Amino acid sequence: MSASIRNSPFLHLLCFSLLLRLAVGADPLYHICLSSGTYTPNTPYEMNLNKVKSSLSYKTPFSGFAMVSAGSIPDRVYGLAQCRGDATSQDCKTCVANASDEIKNLCPYNKGGIIWYDNCLLKYLDGDFFHQIDTENIFYLYNVKNITDPILFNKKTKELLNQLSQQASATWKLFAAGETKFEGSTKIYGMAQCTRDLSNTDCKTCLENAISQLPSCCDGKQGGRVVGGSCTVRFEIYPFISY
């Protein structure tokens, strides 16, 4: 599994070992330290950040999503966490707790950060980012193996993800998963999800943009993802969703 990370306006290239990550299980997919500003320990900002993380860890497992804020400007902190649509409450709780701890290690004293795992994402910032499509923080993951018939595979993959995009953006959960036949016994499995602070319209816009980026990262690959701060799309030739 390889990955390309785009944190506009810069393009970063990175390689991961998928097998190692699966074996470890709890490792994040990627993270970005968002804000150029930093805070000092034992200040109101740190106290507000701790309140936000604690609240997200508590609230998110109940419905799979939470967004909270704490404090007053200039020390106000905004935070959001979301779990994958098929994650159990316990898996969600574990993932958000891990994300909260790990982002502190990866982005110490940064006023903003975002971290992604297979089962969740967590984001915080010193500015209000709620209800806005995050077009800046995006990365790609793809299977290094190529498919035998890329033209047909790409066509069927796009059709599946377009269908899932429509379904996800029309539901309160902003999540959809499904599958389609490819060749012989091979199937294509897909997923589309948005963070639930987005409107249905913005969710659809975000997913359409993500799908449009697949040819740039994952053309003819056996699997791939476009993962962002507001939405993600993924396809594989193996089941990865719990229906």
Protein backbone atom coordinates (compact mmCIF):
# COMPACT_ATOMS: atom_id res chain seq x y z
CA MET A 1 0.00 0.00 0.00
CA SER A 2 1.38 3.40 -0.96
CA ALA A 3 0.15 6.85 -0.21
CA SER A 4 0.26 10.35 -1.60
CA ILE A 5 -0.59 13.21 0.73
CA ARG A 6 -1.85 16.56 -0.47
CA ASN A 7 -1.96 19.33 2.08
CA SER A 8 -2.55 22.30 -0.20
CA PRO A 9 -0.59 24.15 -1.45
CA PHE A 10 2.13 21.54 -1.05
CA LEU A 11 2.29 17.96 -2.29
CA HIS A 12 3.96 15.35 -0.12
CA LEU A 13 4.78 11.79 -1.08
CA LEU A 14 4.88 9.06 1.52
CA CYS A 15 5.06 5.27 1.57
CA PHE A 16 3.44 3.09 4.19
CA SER A 17 3.56 -0.64 4.87
CA LEU A 18 -0.06 -1.81 4.92
CA LEU A 19 0.78 -5.19 6.40
CA LEU A 20 2.66 -3.63 9.29
CA ARG A 21 -0.16 -1.18 9.96
CA LEU A 22 -2.74 -3.95 9.97
CA ALA A 23 -0.62 -6.03 12.29
CA VAL A 24 -0.24 -3.16 14.75
CA GLY A 25 -3.86 -2.15 14.30
CA ALA A 26 -3.82 1.04 16.35
CA ASP A 27 -1.42 3.05 14.19
CA PRO A 28 -2.85 6.17 12.56
CA LEU A 29 -3.12 6.36 8.79
CA TYR A 30 -1.81 9.92 8.76
CA HIS A 31 -1.83 13.19 10.66
CA ILE A 32 -1.37 16.89 9.98
CA CYS A 33 -0.47 19.59 12.48
CA LEU A 34 -2.83 22.27 11.23
CA SER A 35 -2.06 25.56 12.90
CA SER A 36 1.11 27.59 12.67
CA GLY A 37 0.36 28.90 16.15
CA THR A 38 1.38 27.17 19.36
CA TYR A 39 0.19 27.33 22.94
CA THR A 40 2.00 27.29 26.26
CA PRO A 41 1.43 24.50 28.78
CA ASN A 42 -0.90 25.19 31.70
CA THR A 43 -2.65 28.04 29.92
CA PRO A 44 -6.39 28.53 29.18
CA TYR A 45 -5.93 27.18 25.65
CA GLU A 46 -4.49 23.89 26.87
CA MET A 47 -7.25 23.55 29.44
CA ASN A 48 -9.90 24.18 26.76
CA LEU A 49 -8.22 21.70 24.40
CA ASN A 50 -8.25 19.04 27.10
CA LYS A 51 -11.96 19.74 27.71
CA VAL A 52 -12.69 19.36 23.99
CA LYS A 53 -10.78 16.08 23.68
CA SER A 54 -12.41 14.68 26.81
CA SER A 55 -15.85 15.65 25.56
CA LEU A 56 -15.22 14.12 22.13
CA SER A 57 -13.99 10.88 23.70
CA TYR A 58 -17.16 10.69 25.77
CA LYS A 59 -19.77 11.82 23.23
CA THR A 60 -18.62 10.32 19.94
CA PRO A 61 -19.23 6.61 20.71
CA PHE A 62 -22.96 7.20 21.35
CA SER A 63 -23.78 8.14 17.74
CA GLY A 64 -20.45 7.90 15.93
CA PHE A 65 -20.05 11.67 15.69
CA ALA A 66 -19.57 14.71 17.91
CA MET A 67 -18.47 18.32 17.59
CA VAL A 68 -17.81 20.56 20.57
CA SER A 69 -16.13 23.82 21.49
CA ALA A 70 -14.81 25.23 24.76
CA GLY A 71 -13.57 28.54 26.08
CA SER A 72 -13.70 32.13 24.90
CA ILE A 73 -11.75 33.91 22.15
CA PRO A 74 -8.74 34.02 21.88
CA ASP A 75 -8.48 30.70 23.75
CA ARG A 76 -11.52 29.03 22.24
CA VAL A 77 -11.01 25.51 20.85
CA TYR A 78 -13.20 23.75 18.28
CA GLY A 79 -13.13 19.98 17.94
CA LEU A 80 -14.77 17.24 15.90
CA ALA A 81 -14.56 13.46 15.92
CA GLN A 82 -16.25 10.86 13.76
CA CYS A 83 -16.08 7.09 13.49
CA ARG A 84 -16.52 5.00 10.38
CA GLY A 85 -20.17 4.24 9.77
CA ASP A 86 -19.85 0.52 10.51
CA ALA A 87 -17.70 0.87 13.65
CA THR A 88 -19.14 -0.52 16.87
CA SER A 89 -19.54 1.77 19.85
CA GLN A 90 -16.61 0.11 21.59
CA ASP A 91 -14.35 0.31 18.54
CA CYS A 92 -15.37 3.94 18.13
CA LYS A 93 -14.57 4.71 21.76
CA THR A 94 -11.17 3.04 21.52
CA CYS A 95 -10.30 4.77 18.25
CA VAL A 96 -11.21 8.29 19.43
CA ALA A 97 -9.32 7.77 22.71
CA ASN A 98 -6.24 6.63 20.77
CA ALA A 99 -6.57 9.57 18.38
CA SER A 100 -6.82 12.03 21.25
CA ASP A 101 -3.67 10.67 22.89
CA GLU A 102 -1.66 10.26 19.70
CA ILE A 103 -2.33 13.70 18.21
CA LYS A 104 -0.95 15.23 21.41
CA ASN A 105 2.29 13.31 20.87
CA LEU A 106 2.47 14.10 17.16
CA CYS A 107 1.48 17.77 17.37
CA PRO A 108 2.65 18.91 20.81
CA TYR A 109 1.54 22.47 21.62
CA ASN A 110 0.09 23.03 18.13
CA LYS A 111 -3.20 24.91 18.23
CA GLY A 112 -4.61 22.64 15.55
CA GLY A 113 -4.31 19.07 14.39
CA ILE A 114 -6.10 16.30 12.52
CA ILE A 115 -5.48 12.57 12.70
CA TRP A 116 -7.00 9.69 10.75
CA TYR A 117 -7.35 6.02 11.64
CA ASP A 118 -9.18 3.26 9.79
CA ASN A 119 -12.07 3.62 12.23
CA CYS A 120 -12.12 7.33 13.03
CA LEU A 121 -10.81 10.83 12.61
CA LEU A 122 -10.28 13.61 15.14
CA LYS A 123 -9.71 17.28 14.37
CA TYR A 124 -9.27 20.39 16.50
CA LEU A 125 -8.43 24.00 15.72
CA ASP A 126 -8.36 27.48 17.24
CA GLY A 127 -10.83 28.70 14.61
CA ASP A 128 -14.38 27.64 13.75
CA PHE A 129 -14.24 25.04 10.94
CA PHE A 130 -17.67 23.49 11.53
CA HIS A 131 -20.08 23.13 8.57
CA GLN A 132 -17.35 23.88 6.01
CA ILE A 133 -15.84 21.52 3.44
CA ASP A 134 -12.18 20.92 4.22
CA THR A 135 -10.47 21.15 0.83
CA GLU A 136 -6.97 21.53 2.24
CA ASN A 137 -6.22 18.35 4.16
CA ILE A 138 -6.41 15.38 1.81
CA PHE A 139 -4.29 12.29 1.31
CA TYR A 140 -4.41 9.18 -0.86
CA LEU A 141 -3.83 5.51 -0.15
CA TYR A 142 -3.60 2.91 -2.90
CA ASN A 143 -2.79 -0.75 -3.42
CA VAL A 144 0.46 -1.11 -5.34
CA LYS A 145 -0.98 -4.07 -7.29
CA ASN A 146 -2.60 -3.33 -10.64
CA ILE A 147 -5.89 -4.74 -11.89
CA THR A 148 -5.96 -6.88 -15.05
CA ASP A 149 -8.58 -4.85 -16.93
CA PRO A 150 -8.13 -1.25 -15.74
CA ILE A 151 -10.57 0.37 -18.17
CA LEU A 152 -13.53 -1.79 -17.12
CA PHE A 153 -12.44 -1.77 -13.47
CA ASN A 154 -12.17 2.02 -13.33
CA LYS A 155 -15.57 2.36 -14.97
CA LYS A 156 -17.29 0.01 -12.53
CA THR A 157 -15.50 1.55 -9.56
CA LYS A 158 -16.61 5.05 -10.50
CA GLU A 159 -20.19 3.86 -11.05
CA LEU A 160 -20.22 2.20 -7.62
CA LEU A 161 -18.75 5.18 -5.79
CA ASN A 162 -21.07 7.61 -7.58
CA GLN A 163 -24.01 5.50 -6.43
CA LEU A 164 -22.67 5.36 -2.86
CA SER A 165 -22.07 9.11 -2.94
CA GLN A 166 -25.72 9.67 -3.80
CA GLN A 167 -26.85 7.31 -1.04
CA ALA A 168 -24.52 8.72 1.62
CA SER A 169 -25.44 12.33 0.99
CA ALA A 170 -29.14 11.52 1.28
CA THR A 171 -28.93 9.91 4.74
CA TRP A 172 -28.57 11.44 8.21
CA LYS A 173 -25.50 9.32 8.84
CA LEU A 174 -23.79 10.56 5.65
CA PHE A 175 -22.41 7.07 5.13
CA ALA A 176 -22.96 4.34 2.55
CA ALA A 177 -21.25 1.10 1.58
CA GLY A 178 -21.88 -1.47 -1.12
CA GLU A 179 -20.44 -3.77 -3.73
CA THR A 180 -20.64 -4.58 -7.41
CA LYS A 181 -19.52 -7.48 -9.62
CA PHE A 182 -16.38 -7.09 -11.67
CA GLU A 183 -15.15 -10.21 -13.47
CA GLY A 184 -15.78 -13.82 -12.54
CA SER A 185 -16.01 -14.10 -8.77
CA THR A 186 -14.21 -10.78 -8.19
CA LYS A 187 -16.23 -7.98 -6.64
CA ILE A 188 -15.51 -4.33 -6.01
CA TYR A 189 -16.35 -3.10 -2.52
CA GLY A 190 -16.85 0.59 -1.85
CA MET A 191 -17.55 3.14 0.86
CA ALA A 192 -18.42 6.84 0.98
CA GLN A 193 -18.69 8.96 4.12
CA CYS A 194 -18.82 12.62 5.17
CA THR A 195 -18.40 14.25 8.54
CA ARG A 196 -21.84 14.98 9.91
CA ASP A 197 -21.32 18.69 10.36
CA LEU A 198 -21.80 19.02 6.58
CA SER A 199 -25.15 19.58 4.94
CA ASN A 200 -26.41 16.91 2.54
CA THR A 201 -25.56 19.19 -0.38
CA ASP A 202 -22.04 19.89 0.86
CA CYS A 203 -21.53 16.19 1.53
CA LYS A 204 -22.39 15.37 -2.06
CA THR A 205 -20.04 18.10 -3.30
CA CYS A 206 -17.22 16.81 -1.10
CA LEU A 207 -17.67 13.20 -2.24
CA GLU A 208 -17.87 14.16 -5.91
CA ASN A 209 -14.60 16.05 -5.55
CA ALA A 210 -13.00 13.06 -3.85
CA ILE A 211 -14.15 10.69 -6.60
CA SER A 212 -12.77 13.07 -9.24
CA GLN A 213 -9.31 12.70 -7.67
CA LEU A 214 -9.20 8.90 -7.93
CA PRO A 215 -7.65 8.87 -11.44
CA SER A 216 -4.75 10.93 -10.11
CA CYS A 217 -3.86 8.49 -7.36
CA CYS A 218 -5.44 5.13 -7.92
CA ASP A 219 -5.98 4.56 -11.65
CA GLY A 220 -6.02 0.82 -12.38
CA LYS A 221 -5.14 -0.13 -8.80
CA GLN A 222 -6.79 -2.99 -6.90
CA GLY A 223 -7.74 -0.61 -4.11
CA GLY A 224 -7.57 3.03 -3.18
CA ARG A 225 -8.83 5.83 -0.98
CA VAL A 226 -9.15 9.57 -1.09
CA VAL A 227 -9.27 10.65 2.54
CA GLY A 228 -9.98 14.18 3.70
CA GLY A 229 -10.96 16.25 6.68
CA SER A 230 -14.60 16.29 5.57
CA CYS A 231 -15.16 13.13 3.52
CA THR A 232 -13.63 9.94 2.23
CA VAL A 233 -14.20 7.42 -0.55
CA ARG A 234 -12.64 3.98 -0.71
CA PHE A 235 -12.70 0.90 -2.95
CA GLU A 236 -11.12 -2.54 -2.61
CA ILE A 237 -11.45 -6.01 -4.13
CA TYR A 238 -11.93 -7.49 -0.66
CA PRO A 239 -14.65 -6.84 1.94
CA PHE A 240 -13.64 -4.24 4.51
CA ILE A 241 -17.03 -3.06 5.82
CA SER A 242 -19.23 -4.76 8.41
CA TYR A 243 -22.74 -4.63 6.98
